[in-house]
mmCIF file of all heavy atoms, coordinates in Angstrom:
data_MODEL
# 
_entry.id   MODEL 
# 
loop_
_atom_site.group_PDB 
_atom_site.id 
_atom_site.type_symbol 
_atom_site.label_atom_id 
_atom_site.label_alt_id 
_atom_site.label_comp_id 
_atom_site.label_asym_id 
_atom_site.label_entity_id 
_atom_site.label_seq_id 
_atom_site.pdbx_PDB_ins_code 
_atom_site.Cartn_x 
_atom_site.Cartn_y 
_atom_site.Cartn_z 
_atom_site.occupancy 
_atom_site.B_iso_or_equiv 
_atom_site.pdbx_formal_charge 
_atom_site.auth_seq_id 
_atom_site.auth_comp_id 
_atom_site.auth_asym_id 
_atom_site.auth_atom_id 
_atom_site.pdbx_PDB_model_num 
ATOM 1   N N   . SER A 1 1  ? 17.458  -2.701 -6.433  1.00 0.00 ? 1  SER A N   1 
ATOM 2   C CA  . SER A 1 1  ? 17.158  -2.072 -7.735  1.00 0.00 ? 1  SER A CA  1 
ATOM 3   C C   . SER A 1 1  ? 16.114  -2.848 -8.487  1.00 0.00 ? 1  SER A C   1 
ATOM 4   O O   . SER A 1 1  ? 15.468  -2.334 -9.416  1.00 0.00 ? 1  SER A O   1 
ATOM 5   C CB  . SER A 1 1  ? 18.438  -1.943 -8.600  1.00 0.00 ? 1  SER A CB  1 
ATOM 6   O OG  . SER A 1 1  ? 18.988  -3.233 -8.839  1.00 0.00 ? 1  SER A OG  1 
ATOM 7   N N   . GLY A 1 2  ? 15.890  -4.156 -8.134  1.00 0.00 ? 2  GLY A N   1 
ATOM 8   C CA  . GLY A 1 2  ? 14.833  -4.914 -8.724  1.00 0.00 ? 2  GLY A CA  1 
ATOM 9   C C   . GLY A 1 2  ? 13.442  -4.347 -8.427  1.00 0.00 ? 2  GLY A C   1 
ATOM 10  O O   . GLY A 1 2  ? 12.442  -4.800 -9.037  1.00 0.00 ? 2  GLY A O   1 
ATOM 11  N N   . PHE A 1 3  ? 13.387  -3.491 -7.458  1.00 0.00 ? 3  PHE A N   1 
ATOM 12  C CA  . PHE A 1 3  ? 12.118  -2.806 -7.122  1.00 0.00 ? 3  PHE A CA  1 
ATOM 13  C C   . PHE A 1 3  ? 11.457  -2.175 -8.361  1.00 0.00 ? 3  PHE A C   1 
ATOM 14  O O   . PHE A 1 3  ? 10.244  -2.055 -8.402  1.00 0.00 ? 3  PHE A O   1 
ATOM 15  C CB  . PHE A 1 3  ? 12.485  -1.677 -6.115  1.00 0.00 ? 3  PHE A CB  1 
ATOM 16  C CG  . PHE A 1 3  ? 11.295  -1.000 -5.516  1.00 0.00 ? 3  PHE A CG  1 
ATOM 17  C CD1 . PHE A 1 3  ? 10.398  -1.697 -4.707  1.00 0.00 ? 3  PHE A CD1 1 
ATOM 18  C CD2 . PHE A 1 3  ? 11.119  0.370  -5.665  1.00 0.00 ? 3  PHE A CD2 1 
ATOM 19  C CE1 . PHE A 1 3  ? 9.349   -1.070 -4.054  1.00 0.00 ? 3  PHE A CE1 1 
ATOM 20  C CE2 . PHE A 1 3  ? 10.051  1.039  -5.011  1.00 0.00 ? 3  PHE A CE2 1 
ATOM 21  C CZ  . PHE A 1 3  ? 9.187   0.338  -4.275  1.00 0.00 ? 3  PHE A CZ  1 
ATOM 22  N N   . ILE A 1 4  ? 12.238  -1.816 -9.374  1.00 0.00 ? 4  ILE A N   1 
ATOM 23  C CA  . ILE A 1 4  ? 11.668  -1.236 -10.576 1.00 0.00 ? 4  ILE A CA  1 
ATOM 24  C C   . ILE A 1 4  ? 10.637  -2.155 -11.226 1.00 0.00 ? 4  ILE A C   1 
ATOM 25  O O   . ILE A 1 4  ? 9.721   -1.616 -11.902 1.00 0.00 ? 4  ILE A O   1 
ATOM 26  C CB  . ILE A 1 4  ? 12.822  -0.919 -11.573 1.00 0.00 ? 4  ILE A CB  1 
ATOM 27  C CG1 . ILE A 1 4  ? 12.284  -0.106 -12.744 1.00 0.00 ? 4  ILE A CG1 1 
ATOM 28  C CG2 . ILE A 1 4  ? 13.494  -2.217 -12.075 1.00 0.00 ? 4  ILE A CG2 1 
ATOM 29  C CD1 . ILE A 1 4  ? 13.366  0.362  -13.693 1.00 0.00 ? 4  ILE A CD1 1 
ATOM 30  N N   . MET A 1 5  ? 10.711  -3.445 -11.010 1.00 0.00 ? 5  MET A N   1 
ATOM 31  C CA  . MET A 1 5  ? 9.770   -4.381 -11.635 1.00 0.00 ? 5  MET A CA  1 
ATOM 32  C C   . MET A 1 5  ? 8.529   -4.671 -10.794 1.00 0.00 ? 5  MET A C   1 
ATOM 33  O O   . MET A 1 5  ? 7.737   -5.495 -11.175 1.00 0.00 ? 5  MET A O   1 
ATOM 34  C CB  . MET A 1 5  ? 10.465  -5.699 -11.940 1.00 0.00 ? 5  MET A CB  1 
ATOM 35  C CG  . MET A 1 5  ? 11.614  -5.558 -12.958 1.00 0.00 ? 5  MET A CG  1 
ATOM 36  S SD  . MET A 1 5  ? 11.063  -4.964 -14.557 1.00 0.00 ? 5  MET A SD  1 
ATOM 37  C CE  . MET A 1 5  ? 12.581  -4.941 -15.454 1.00 0.00 ? 5  MET A CE  1 
ATOM 38  N N   . TYR A 1 6  ? 8.374   -3.979 -9.730  1.00 0.00 ? 6  TYR A N   1 
ATOM 39  C CA  . TYR A 1 6  ? 7.280   -4.217 -8.791  1.00 0.00 ? 6  TYR A CA  1 
ATOM 40  C C   . TYR A 1 6  ? 6.210   -3.117 -8.860  1.00 0.00 ? 6  TYR A C   1 
ATOM 41  O O   . TYR A 1 6  ? 6.544   -1.933 -8.950  1.00 0.00 ? 6  TYR A O   1 
ATOM 42  C CB  . TYR A 1 6  ? 7.704   -4.327 -7.320  1.00 0.00 ? 6  TYR A CB  1 
ATOM 43  C CG  . TYR A 1 6  ? 8.435   -5.614 -6.983  1.00 0.00 ? 6  TYR A CG  1 
ATOM 44  C CD1 . TYR A 1 6  ? 9.763   -5.862 -7.353  1.00 0.00 ? 6  TYR A CD1 1 
ATOM 45  C CD2 . TYR A 1 6  ? 7.725   -6.641 -6.317  1.00 0.00 ? 6  TYR A CD2 1 
ATOM 46  C CE1 . TYR A 1 6  ? 10.358  -7.062 -7.068  1.00 0.00 ? 6  TYR A CE1 1 
ATOM 47  C CE2 . TYR A 1 6  ? 8.346   -7.790 -6.027  1.00 0.00 ? 6  TYR A CE2 1 
ATOM 48  C CZ  . TYR A 1 6  ? 9.670   -8.043 -6.366  1.00 0.00 ? 6  TYR A CZ  1 
ATOM 49  O OH  . TYR A 1 6  ? 10.279  -9.208 -6.059  1.00 0.00 ? 6  TYR A OH  1 
ATOM 50  N N   . ASN A 1 7  ? 4.942   -3.568 -8.802  1.00 0.00 ? 7  ASN A N   1 
ATOM 51  C CA  . ASN A 1 7  ? 3.840   -2.651 -8.564  1.00 0.00 ? 7  ASN A CA  1 
ATOM 52  C C   . ASN A 1 7  ? 3.892   -2.254 -7.092  1.00 0.00 ? 7  ASN A C   1 
ATOM 53  O O   . ASN A 1 7  ? 4.246   -3.083 -6.277  1.00 0.00 ? 7  ASN A O   1 
ATOM 54  C CB  . ASN A 1 7  ? 2.498   -3.320 -8.811  1.00 0.00 ? 7  ASN A CB  1 
ATOM 55  C CG  . ASN A 1 7  ? 2.451   -3.966 -10.274 1.00 0.00 ? 7  ASN A CG  1 
ATOM 56  O OD1 . ASN A 1 7  ? 2.172   -3.303 -11.227 1.00 0.00 ? 7  ASN A OD1 1 
ATOM 57  N ND2 . ASN A 1 7  ? 2.796   -5.258 -10.289 1.00 0.00 ? 7  ASN A ND2 1 
ATOM 58  N N   . VAL A 1 8  ? 3.639   -0.982 -6.809  1.00 0.00 ? 8  VAL A N   1 
ATOM 59  C CA  . VAL A 1 8  ? 3.727   -0.529 -5.412  1.00 0.00 ? 8  VAL A CA  1 
ATOM 60  C C   . VAL A 1 8  ? 2.426   0.145  -5.005  1.00 0.00 ? 8  VAL A C   1 
ATOM 61  O O   . VAL A 1 8  ? 1.889   0.992  -5.687  1.00 0.00 ? 8  VAL A O   1 
ATOM 62  C CB  . VAL A 1 8  ? 4.885   0.469  -5.285  1.00 0.00 ? 8  VAL A CB  1 
ATOM 63  C CG1 . VAL A 1 8  ? 4.940   1.027  -3.851  1.00 0.00 ? 8  VAL A CG1 1 
ATOM 64  C CG2 . VAL A 1 8  ? 6.225   -0.210 -5.616  1.00 0.00 ? 8  VAL A CG2 1 
ATOM 65  N N   . GLY A 1 9  ? 1.969   -0.296 -3.858  1.00 0.00 ? 9  GLY A N   1 
ATOM 66  C CA  . GLY A 1 9  ? 0.731   0.242  -3.282  1.00 0.00 ? 9  GLY A CA  1 
ATOM 67  C C   . GLY A 1 9  ? 0.927   0.885  -1.949  1.00 0.00 ? 9  GLY A C   1 
ATOM 68  O O   . GLY A 1 9  ? 1.894   0.621  -1.258  1.00 0.00 ? 9  GLY A O   1 
ATOM 69  N N   . TRP A 1 10 ? -0.037  1.747  -1.604  1.00 0.00 ? 10 TRP A N   1 
ATOM 70  C CA  . TRP A 1 10 ? -0.070  2.336  -0.272  1.00 0.00 ? 10 TRP A CA  1 
ATOM 71  C C   . TRP A 1 10 ? -1.359  1.940  0.419   1.00 0.00 ? 10 TRP A C   1 
ATOM 72  O O   . TRP A 1 10 ? -2.470  1.932  -0.185  1.00 0.00 ? 10 TRP A O   1 
ATOM 73  C CB  . TRP A 1 10 ? -0.037  3.843  -0.352  1.00 0.00 ? 10 TRP A CB  1 
ATOM 74  C CG  . TRP A 1 10 ? 1.356   4.441  -0.633  1.00 0.00 ? 10 TRP A CG  1 
ATOM 75  C CD1 . TRP A 1 10 ? 1.856   4.763  -1.815  1.00 0.00 ? 10 TRP A CD1 1 
ATOM 76  C CD2 . TRP A 1 10 ? 2.347   4.712  0.345   1.00 0.00 ? 10 TRP A CD2 1 
ATOM 77  N NE1 . TRP A 1 10 ? 3.147   5.261  -1.699  1.00 0.00 ? 10 TRP A NE1 1 
ATOM 78  C CE2 . TRP A 1 10 ? 3.479   5.251  -0.384  1.00 0.00 ? 10 TRP A CE2 1 
ATOM 79  C CE3 . TRP A 1 10 ? 2.443   4.588  1.721   1.00 0.00 ? 10 TRP A CE3 1 
ATOM 80  C CZ2 . TRP A 1 10 ? 4.621   5.649  0.267   1.00 0.00 ? 10 TRP A CZ2 1 
ATOM 81  C CZ3 . TRP A 1 10 ? 3.570   5.016  2.365   1.00 0.00 ? 10 TRP A CZ3 1 
ATOM 82  C CH2 . TRP A 1 10 ? 4.632   5.518  1.634   1.00 0.00 ? 10 TRP A CH2 1 
ATOM 83  N N   . PHE A 1 11 ? -1.284  1.561  1.678   1.00 0.00 ? 11 PHE A N   1 
ATOM 84  C CA  . PHE A 1 11 ? -2.429  1.224  2.514   1.00 0.00 ? 11 PHE A CA  1 
ATOM 85  C C   . PHE A 1 11 ? -2.304  2.037  3.789   1.00 0.00 ? 11 PHE A C   1 
ATOM 86  O O   . PHE A 1 11 ? -1.251  2.551  4.127   1.00 0.00 ? 11 PHE A O   1 
ATOM 87  C CB  . PHE A 1 11 ? -2.411  -0.302 2.859   1.00 0.00 ? 11 PHE A CB  1 
ATOM 88  C CG  . PHE A 1 11 ? -2.709  -1.177 1.668   1.00 0.00 ? 11 PHE A CG  1 
ATOM 89  C CD1 . PHE A 1 11 ? -1.734  -1.427 0.709   1.00 0.00 ? 11 PHE A CD1 1 
ATOM 90  C CD2 . PHE A 1 11 ? -3.939  -1.738 1.554   1.00 0.00 ? 11 PHE A CD2 1 
ATOM 91  C CE1 . PHE A 1 11 ? -2.014  -2.236 -0.343  1.00 0.00 ? 11 PHE A CE1 1 
ATOM 92  C CE2 . PHE A 1 11 ? -4.218  -2.566 0.491   1.00 0.00 ? 11 PHE A CE2 1 
ATOM 93  C CZ  . PHE A 1 11 ? -3.257  -2.853 -0.475  1.00 0.00 ? 11 PHE A CZ  1 
ATOM 94  N N   . ARG A 1 12 ? -3.436  2.126  4.498   1.00 0.00 ? 12 ARG A N   1 
ATOM 95  C CA  . ARG A 1 12 ? -3.385  2.831  5.771   1.00 0.00 ? 12 ARG A CA  1 
ATOM 96  C C   . ARG A 1 12 ? -4.293  2.147  6.767   1.00 0.00 ? 12 ARG A C   1 
ATOM 97  O O   . ARG A 1 12 ? -5.237  1.419  6.371   1.00 0.00 ? 12 ARG A O   1 
ATOM 98  C CB  . ARG A 1 12 ? -3.847  4.322  5.618   1.00 0.00 ? 12 ARG A CB  1 
ATOM 99  C CG  . ARG A 1 12 ? -5.264  4.506  5.191   1.00 0.00 ? 12 ARG A CG  1 
ATOM 100 C CD  . ARG A 1 12 ? -5.572  5.924  4.858   1.00 0.00 ? 12 ARG A CD  1 
ATOM 101 N NE  . ARG A 1 12 ? -6.961  6.095  4.435   1.00 0.00 ? 12 ARG A NE  1 
ATOM 102 C CZ  . ARG A 1 12 ? -7.400  7.268  3.908   1.00 0.00 ? 12 ARG A CZ  1 
ATOM 103 N NH1 . ARG A 1 12 ? -6.583  8.328  3.720   1.00 0.00 ? 12 ARG A NH1 1 
ATOM 104 N NH2 . ARG A 1 12 ? -8.677  7.385  3.549   1.00 0.00 ? 12 ARG A NH2 1 
ATOM 105 N N   . GLN A 1 13 ? -3.989  2.267  8.024   1.00 0.00 ? 13 GLN A N   1 
ATOM 106 C CA  . GLN A 1 13 ? -4.768  1.666  9.075   1.00 0.00 ? 13 GLN A CA  1 
ATOM 107 C C   . GLN A 1 13 ? -4.967  2.665  10.215  1.00 0.00 ? 13 GLN A C   1 
ATOM 108 O O   . GLN A 1 13 ? -4.019  3.128  10.866  1.00 0.00 ? 13 GLN A O   1 
ATOM 109 C CB  . GLN A 1 13 ? -4.034  0.411  9.582   1.00 0.00 ? 13 GLN A CB  1 
ATOM 110 C CG  . GLN A 1 13 ? -4.899  -0.415 10.563  1.00 0.00 ? 13 GLN A CG  1 
ATOM 111 C CD  . GLN A 1 13 ? -4.363  -1.817 10.742  1.00 0.00 ? 13 GLN A CD  1 
ATOM 112 O OE1 . GLN A 1 13 ? -3.181  -2.079 10.514  1.00 0.00 ? 13 GLN A OE1 1 
ATOM 113 N NE2 . GLN A 1 13 ? -5.227  -2.721 11.149  1.00 0.00 ? 13 GLN A NE2 1 
ATOM 114 N N   . ALA A 1 14 ? -6.244  2.960  10.489  1.00 0.00 ? 14 ALA A N   1 
ATOM 115 C CA  . ALA A 1 14 ? -6.587  3.858  11.607  1.00 0.00 ? 14 ALA A CA  1 
ATOM 116 C C   . ALA A 1 14 ? -6.765  3.057  12.847  1.00 0.00 ? 14 ALA A C   1 
ATOM 117 O O   . ALA A 1 14 ? -7.079  1.821  12.746  1.00 0.00 ? 14 ALA A O   1 
ATOM 118 C CB  . ALA A 1 14 ? -7.859  4.638  11.258  1.00 0.00 ? 14 ALA A CB  1 
ATOM 119 N N   . PRO A 1 15 ? -6.616  3.621  13.985  1.00 0.00 ? 15 PRO A N   1 
ATOM 120 C CA  . PRO A 1 15 ? -6.802  2.866  15.279  1.00 0.00 ? 15 PRO A CA  1 
ATOM 121 C C   . PRO A 1 15 ? -8.199  2.221  15.323  1.00 0.00 ? 15 PRO A C   1 
ATOM 122 O O   . PRO A 1 15 ? -9.202  2.795  15.067  1.00 0.00 ? 15 PRO A O   1 
ATOM 123 C CB  . PRO A 1 15 ? -6.699  3.964  16.305  1.00 0.00 ? 15 PRO A CB  1 
ATOM 124 C CG  . PRO A 1 15 ? -5.828  4.976  15.711  1.00 0.00 ? 15 PRO A CG  1 
ATOM 125 C CD  . PRO A 1 15 ? -6.253  5.018  14.266  1.00 0.00 ? 15 PRO A CD  1 
ATOM 126 N N   . GLY A 1 16 ? -8.167  0.921  15.640  1.00 0.00 ? 16 GLY A N   1 
ATOM 127 C CA  . GLY A 1 16 ? -9.407  0.175  15.761  1.00 0.00 ? 16 GLY A CA  1 
ATOM 128 C C   . GLY A 1 16 ? -10.051 -0.204 14.466  1.00 0.00 ? 16 GLY A C   1 
ATOM 129 O O   . GLY A 1 16 ? -11.187 -0.754 14.472  1.00 0.00 ? 16 GLY A O   1 
ATOM 130 N N   . LYS A 1 17 ? -9.412  0.062  13.345  1.00 0.00 ? 17 LYS A N   1 
ATOM 131 C CA  . LYS A 1 17 ? -10.049 -0.233 12.028  1.00 0.00 ? 17 LYS A CA  1 
ATOM 132 C C   . LYS A 1 17 ? -9.174  -1.167 11.224  1.00 0.00 ? 17 LYS A C   1 
ATOM 133 O O   . LYS A 1 17 ? -7.968  -1.317 11.547  1.00 0.00 ? 17 LYS A O   1 
ATOM 134 C CB  . LYS A 1 17 ? -10.304 1.056  11.239  1.00 0.00 ? 17 LYS A CB  1 
ATOM 135 C CG  . LYS A 1 17 ? -11.354 1.933  11.841  1.00 0.00 ? 17 LYS A CG  1 
ATOM 136 C CD  . LYS A 1 17 ? -11.769 3.050  10.851  1.00 0.00 ? 17 LYS A CD  1 
ATOM 137 C CE  . LYS A 1 17 ? -12.985 3.794  11.385  1.00 0.00 ? 17 LYS A CE  1 
ATOM 138 N NZ  . LYS A 1 17 ? -13.435 4.858  10.419  1.00 0.00 ? 17 LYS A NZ  1 
ATOM 139 N N   . GLU A 1 18 ? -9.706  -1.699 10.182  1.00 0.00 ? 18 GLU A N   1 
ATOM 140 C CA  . GLU A 1 18 ? -9.006  -2.613 9.283   1.00 0.00 ? 18 GLU A CA  1 
ATOM 141 C C   . GLU A 1 18 ? -8.043  -1.842 8.378   1.00 0.00 ? 18 GLU A C   1 
ATOM 142 O O   . GLU A 1 18 ? -8.263  -0.636 8.119   1.00 0.00 ? 18 GLU A O   1 
ATOM 143 C CB  . GLU A 1 18 ? -9.982  -3.442 8.460   1.00 0.00 ? 18 GLU A CB  1 
ATOM 144 C CG  . GLU A 1 18 ? -11.027 -4.233 9.212   1.00 0.00 ? 18 GLU A CG  1 
ATOM 145 C CD  . GLU A 1 18 ? -12.244 -3.466 9.575   1.00 0.00 ? 18 GLU A CD  1 
ATOM 146 O OE1 . GLU A 1 18 ? -12.304 -2.267 9.279   1.00 0.00 ? 18 GLU A OE1 1 
ATOM 147 O OE2 . GLU A 1 18 ? -13.145 -4.058 10.181  1.00 0.00 ? 18 GLU A OE2 1 
ATOM 148 N N   . ARG A 1 19 ? -7.005  -2.491 7.890   1.00 0.00 ? 19 ARG A N   1 
ATOM 149 C CA  . ARG A 1 19 ? -6.144  -1.848 6.935   1.00 0.00 ? 19 ARG A CA  1 
ATOM 150 C C   . ARG A 1 19 ? -6.929  -1.639 5.615   1.00 0.00 ? 19 ARG A C   1 
ATOM 151 O O   . ARG A 1 19 ? -7.582  -2.529 5.096   1.00 0.00 ? 19 ARG A O   1 
ATOM 152 C CB  . ARG A 1 19 ? -4.922  -2.734 6.683   1.00 0.00 ? 19 ARG A CB  1 
ATOM 153 C CG  . ARG A 1 19 ? -3.882  -2.103 5.804   1.00 0.00 ? 19 ARG A CG  1 
ATOM 154 C CD  . ARG A 1 19 ? -2.618  -3.005 5.761   1.00 0.00 ? 19 ARG A CD  1 
ATOM 155 N NE  . ARG A 1 19 ? -2.037  -3.210 7.106   1.00 0.00 ? 19 ARG A NE  1 
ATOM 156 C CZ  . ARG A 1 19 ? -0.909  -3.839 7.345   1.00 0.00 ? 19 ARG A CZ  1 
ATOM 157 N NH1 . ARG A 1 19 ? -0.234  -4.373 6.354   1.00 0.00 ? 19 ARG A NH1 1 
ATOM 158 N NH2 . ARG A 1 19 ? -0.510  -3.977 8.567   1.00 0.00 ? 19 ARG A NH2 1 
ATOM 159 N N   . GLU A 1 20 ? -6.818  -0.447 5.023   1.00 0.00 ? 20 GLU A N   1 
ATOM 160 C CA  . GLU A 1 20 ? -7.543  -0.136 3.825   1.00 0.00 ? 20 GLU A CA  1 
ATOM 161 C C   . GLU A 1 20 ? -6.626  0.342  2.724   1.00 0.00 ? 20 GLU A C   1 
ATOM 162 O O   . GLU A 1 20 ? -5.591  0.962  2.967   1.00 0.00 ? 20 GLU A O   1 
ATOM 163 C CB  . GLU A 1 20 ? -8.635  0.916  4.103   1.00 0.00 ? 20 GLU A CB  1 
ATOM 164 C CG  . GLU A 1 20 ? -8.097  2.281  4.366   1.00 0.00 ? 20 GLU A CG  1 
ATOM 165 C CD  . GLU A 1 20 ? -9.204  3.374  4.355   1.00 0.00 ? 20 GLU A CD  1 
ATOM 166 O OE1 . GLU A 1 20 ? -10.210 3.162  3.723   1.00 0.00 ? 20 GLU A OE1 1 
ATOM 167 O OE2 . GLU A 1 20 ? -8.991  4.406  5.041   1.00 0.00 ? 20 GLU A OE2 1 
ATOM 168 N N   . PHE A 1 21 ? -6.987  0.042  1.507   1.00 0.00 ? 21 PHE A N   1 
ATOM 169 C CA  . PHE A 1 21 ? -6.256  0.426  0.311   1.00 0.00 ? 21 PHE A CA  1 
ATOM 170 C C   . PHE A 1 21 ? -6.351  1.939  0.094   1.00 0.00 ? 21 PHE A C   1 
ATOM 171 O O   . PHE A 1 21 ? -7.371  2.552  0.272   1.00 0.00 ? 21 PHE A O   1 
ATOM 172 C CB  . PHE A 1 21 ? -6.791  -0.325 -0.874  1.00 0.00 ? 21 PHE A CB  1 
ATOM 173 C CG  . PHE A 1 21 ? -6.327  0.215  -2.204  1.00 0.00 ? 21 PHE A CG  1 
ATOM 174 C CD1 . PHE A 1 21 ? -5.004  -0.045 -2.617  1.00 0.00 ? 21 PHE A CD1 1 
ATOM 175 C CD2 . PHE A 1 21 ? -7.145  0.960  -3.043  1.00 0.00 ? 21 PHE A CD2 1 
ATOM 176 C CE1 . PHE A 1 21 ? -4.548  0.465  -3.839  1.00 0.00 ? 21 PHE A CE1 1 
ATOM 177 C CE2 . PHE A 1 21 ? -6.680  1.451  -4.223  1.00 0.00 ? 21 PHE A CE2 1 
ATOM 178 C CZ  . PHE A 1 21 ? -5.388  1.176  -4.628  1.00 0.00 ? 21 PHE A CZ  1 
ATOM 179 N N   . VAL A 1 22 ? -5.215  2.520  -0.370  1.00 0.00 ? 22 VAL A N   1 
ATOM 180 C CA  . VAL A 1 22 ? -5.202  3.959  -0.668  1.00 0.00 ? 22 VAL A CA  1 
ATOM 181 C C   . VAL A 1 22 ? -4.889  4.202  -2.178  1.00 0.00 ? 22 VAL A C   1 
ATOM 182 O O   . VAL A 1 22 ? -5.679  4.847  -2.844  1.00 0.00 ? 22 VAL A O   1 
ATOM 183 C CB  . VAL A 1 22 ? -4.110  4.710  0.187   1.00 0.00 ? 22 VAL A CB  1 
ATOM 184 C CG1 . VAL A 1 22 ? -4.035  6.152  -0.230  1.00 0.00 ? 22 VAL A CG1 1 
ATOM 185 C CG2 . VAL A 1 22 ? -4.455  4.547  1.675   1.00 0.00 ? 22 VAL A CG2 1 
ATOM 186 N N   . ALA A 1 23 ? -3.790  3.681  -2.644  1.00 0.00 ? 23 ALA A N   1 
ATOM 187 C CA  . ALA A 1 23 ? -3.343  3.879  -4.022  1.00 0.00 ? 23 ALA A CA  1 
ATOM 188 C C   . ALA A 1 23 ? -2.373  2.856  -4.513  1.00 0.00 ? 23 ALA A C   1 
ATOM 189 O O   . ALA A 1 23 ? -1.704  2.249  -3.662  1.00 0.00 ? 23 ALA A O   1 
ATOM 190 C CB  . ALA A 1 23 ? -2.765  5.319  -4.173  1.00 0.00 ? 23 ALA A CB  1 
ATOM 191 N N   . VAL A 1 24 ? -2.230  2.670  -5.789  1.00 0.00 ? 24 VAL A N   1 
ATOM 192 C CA  . VAL A 1 24 ? -1.273  1.734  -6.360  1.00 0.00 ? 24 VAL A CA  1 
ATOM 193 C C   . VAL A 1 24 ? -0.747  2.291  -7.676  1.00 0.00 ? 24 VAL A C   1 
ATOM 194 O O   . VAL A 1 24 ? -1.462  3.017  -8.373  1.00 0.00 ? 24 VAL A O   1 
ATOM 195 C CB  . VAL A 1 24 ? -1.905  0.355  -6.533  1.00 0.00 ? 24 VAL A CB  1 
ATOM 196 C CG1 . VAL A 1 24 ? -3.042  0.366  -7.540  1.00 0.00 ? 24 VAL A CG1 1 
ATOM 197 C CG2 . VAL A 1 24 ? -0.862  -0.627 -6.974  1.00 0.00 ? 24 VAL A CG2 1 
ATOM 198 N N   . ILE A 1 25 ? 0.497   1.998  -7.979  1.00 0.00 ? 25 ILE A N   1 
ATOM 199 C CA  . ILE A 1 25 ? 1.140   2.439  -9.227  1.00 0.00 ? 25 ILE A CA  1 
ATOM 200 C C   . ILE A 1 25 ? 1.757   1.193  -9.882  1.00 0.00 ? 25 ILE A C   1 
ATOM 201 O O   . ILE A 1 25 ? 2.352   0.344  -9.163  1.00 0.00 ? 25 ILE A O   1 
ATOM 202 C CB  . ILE A 1 25 ? 2.138   3.553  -9.011  1.00 0.00 ? 25 ILE A CB  1 
ATOM 203 C CG1 . ILE A 1 25 ? 2.630   4.109  -10.335 1.00 0.00 ? 25 ILE A CG1 1 
ATOM 204 C CG2 . ILE A 1 25 ? 3.309   3.079  -8.149  1.00 0.00 ? 25 ILE A CG2 1 
ATOM 205 C CD1 . ILE A 1 25 ? 3.408   5.421  -10.217 1.00 0.00 ? 25 ILE A CD1 1 
# 
């Protein structure tokens, strides 16, 4: 439940590519 105090982001990684940022709240 402490999750409520965390900023949360989404990242994605395509085959053969670096992990990239998508969104954050």
